Amino acid sequence: MTADDSFGRLDDDDYPAYTMGRAAEMLGTSPGFLRALGEARLITPLRSEGGHRRYSRYQLRIAARARELVDQGTAIEAACRIIILEDQLEEAQRLNAAYRRTAGSSNPSAGA
């Protein structure tokens, strides 16, 4: 991998760039909170060659949403379930919109 390839990954939301300590610091939480999210299967960090957890920006956004819910008094298990359901709803809405676009373009008389 060249240096240019490495820098290109900085824009990749799925690249596991953050250690557990750095991720916890950025979120203002503890490493234990991140481990709990992993145990609840909300996020699954990748592992470095040495076995250390690494988090992506996408995973940090999910963890930040979980922290927001927990800070509001929601149990961590319930927060994880809420986030999973929110994600499923967003995906269903995206698929529905795509279906409507496809159905509308294949039936020109539908708009008349």
Protein backbone atom coordinates (compact mmCIF):
# COMPACT_ATOMS: atom_id res chain seq x y z
CA MET A 1 0.00 0.00 0.00
CA THR A 2 1.34 3.39 -0.94
CA ALA A 3 1.07 6.57 1.08
CA ASP A 4 -1.53 7.84 -1.41
CA ASP A 5 -3.66 4.73 -0.73
CA SER A 6 -3.42 5.34 3.02
CA PHE A 7 -4.48 8.98 2.73
CA GLY A 8 -7.41 7.97 0.52
CA ARG A 9 -8.78 5.89 3.38
CA LEU A 10 -9.13 8.99 5.55
CA ASP A 11 -12.37 9.76 3.69
CA ASP A 12 -13.68 6.19 4.09
CA ASP A 13 -16.42 6.07 6.77
CA ASP A 14 -15.90 2.33 7.17
CA TYR A 15 -12.12 2.40 7.65
CA PRO A 16 -11.29 1.30 11.22
CA ALA A 17 -9.01 4.19 12.08
CA TYR A 18 -9.71 4.75 15.78
CA THR A 19 -8.45 2.78 18.75
CA MET A 20 -10.81 2.02 21.60
CA GLY A 21 -9.15 4.64 23.80
CA ARG A 22 -9.35 7.34 21.14
CA ALA A 23 -12.94 6.42 20.25
CA ALA A 24 -14.00 6.57 23.91
CA GLU A 25 -12.24 9.92 24.30
CA MET A 26 -13.95 11.35 21.22
CA LEU A 27 -17.37 10.20 22.48
CA GLY A 28 -16.75 11.31 26.03
CA THR A 29 -17.43 7.85 27.34
CA SER A 30 -15.51 4.86 28.70
CA PRO A 31 -14.02 1.89 26.87
CA GLY A 32 -16.51 -0.21 28.86
CA PHE A 33 -19.39 1.57 27.14
CA LEU A 34 -17.93 0.66 23.75
CA ARG A 35 -17.44 -2.94 24.88
CA ALA A 36 -21.10 -3.02 26.02
CA LEU A 37 -22.20 -1.85 22.56
CA GLY A 38 -20.16 -4.69 21.09
CA GLU A 39 -21.68 -7.22 23.49
CA ALA A 40 -25.14 -5.96 22.49
CA ARG A 41 -24.05 -6.47 18.86
CA LEU A 42 -24.82 -2.88 17.93
CA ILE A 43 -21.31 -2.36 16.58
CA THR A 44 -18.61 -4.90 15.90
CA PRO A 45 -15.19 -3.30 15.82
CA LEU A 46 -12.55 -4.73 13.57
CA ARG A 47 -9.41 -6.05 15.20
CA SER A 48 -5.85 -4.99 14.49
CA GLU A 49 -3.19 -7.61 13.88
CA GLY A 50 -2.43 -7.37 17.59
CA GLY A 51 -6.07 -8.02 18.50
CA HIS A 52 -6.94 -4.45 19.50
CA ARG A 53 -10.38 -3.05 18.70
CA ARG A 54 -10.54 -0.46 15.92
CA TYR A 55 -13.58 1.68 15.16
CA SER A 56 -14.70 3.47 12.01
CA ARG A 57 -16.33 6.88 11.80
CA TYR A 58 -19.61 5.16 10.92
CA GLN A 59 -19.39 3.05 14.10
CA LEU A 60 -18.58 6.16 16.14
CA ARG A 61 -21.74 7.85 14.85
CA ILE A 62 -23.79 4.84 15.95
CA ALA A 63 -22.05 4.83 19.33
CA ALA A 64 -22.71 8.56 19.70
CA ARG A 65 -26.43 7.96 19.06
CA ALA A 66 -26.41 5.19 21.68
CA ARG A 67 -24.72 7.48 24.17
CA GLU A 68 -27.32 10.17 23.49
CA LEU A 69 -30.14 7.74 24.29
CA VAL A 70 -28.39 6.38 27.38
CA ASP A 71 -27.72 9.91 28.62
CA GLN A 72 -31.49 10.52 28.32
CA GLY A 73 -32.12 7.58 30.66
CA THR A 74 -32.67 4.75 28.19
CA ALA A 75 -31.19 1.38 29.19
CA ILE A 76 -28.28 0.40 26.95
CA GLU A 77 -30.08 -2.71 25.63
CA ALA A 78 -33.15 -0.62 24.75
CA ALA A 79 -30.96 2.07 23.16
CA CYS A 80 -29.33 -0.54 20.95
CA ARG A 81 -32.72 -1.91 19.91
CA ILE A 82 -34.00 1.60 19.12
CA ILE A 83 -30.98 2.30 16.92
CA ILE A 84 -31.38 -1.01 15.09
CA LEU A 85 -35.06 -0.24 14.45
CA GLU A 86 -34.23 3.29 13.29
CA ASP A 87 -31.71 1.84 10.86
CA GLN A 88 -34.20 -0.72 9.56
CA LEU A 89 -36.83 1.99 9.08
CA GLU A 90 -34.38 4.19 7.18
CA GLU A 91 -33.45 1.29 4.91
CA ALA A 92 -37.12 0.41 4.29
CA GLN A 93 -37.87 4.04 3.41
CA ARG A 94 -34.91 4.13 1.02
CA LEU A 95 -36.05 0.92 -0.69
CA ASN A 96 -39.64 2.19 -0.87
CA ALA A 97 -38.51 5.45 -2.51
CA ALA A 98 -36.40 3.51 -5.02
CA TYR A 99 -39.35 1.23 -5.78
CA ARG A 100 -41.63 4.23 -6.34
CA ARG A 101 -39.11 5.82 -8.72
CA THR A 102 -38.80 2.56 -10.67
CA ALA A 103 -42.55 1.97 -10.75
CA GLY A 104 -43.21 5.58 -11.81
CA SER A 105 -40.68 5.48 -14.65
CA SER A 106 -41.95 2.15 -16.00
CA ASN A 107 -45.60 3.31 -16.01
CA PRO A 108 -45.75 6.73 -17.75
CA SER A 109 -49.57 6.83 -17.56
CA ALA A 110 -49.44 6.59 -13.75
CA GLY A 111 -48.69 10.28 -13.47
CA ALA A 112 -51.50 11.36 -15.82
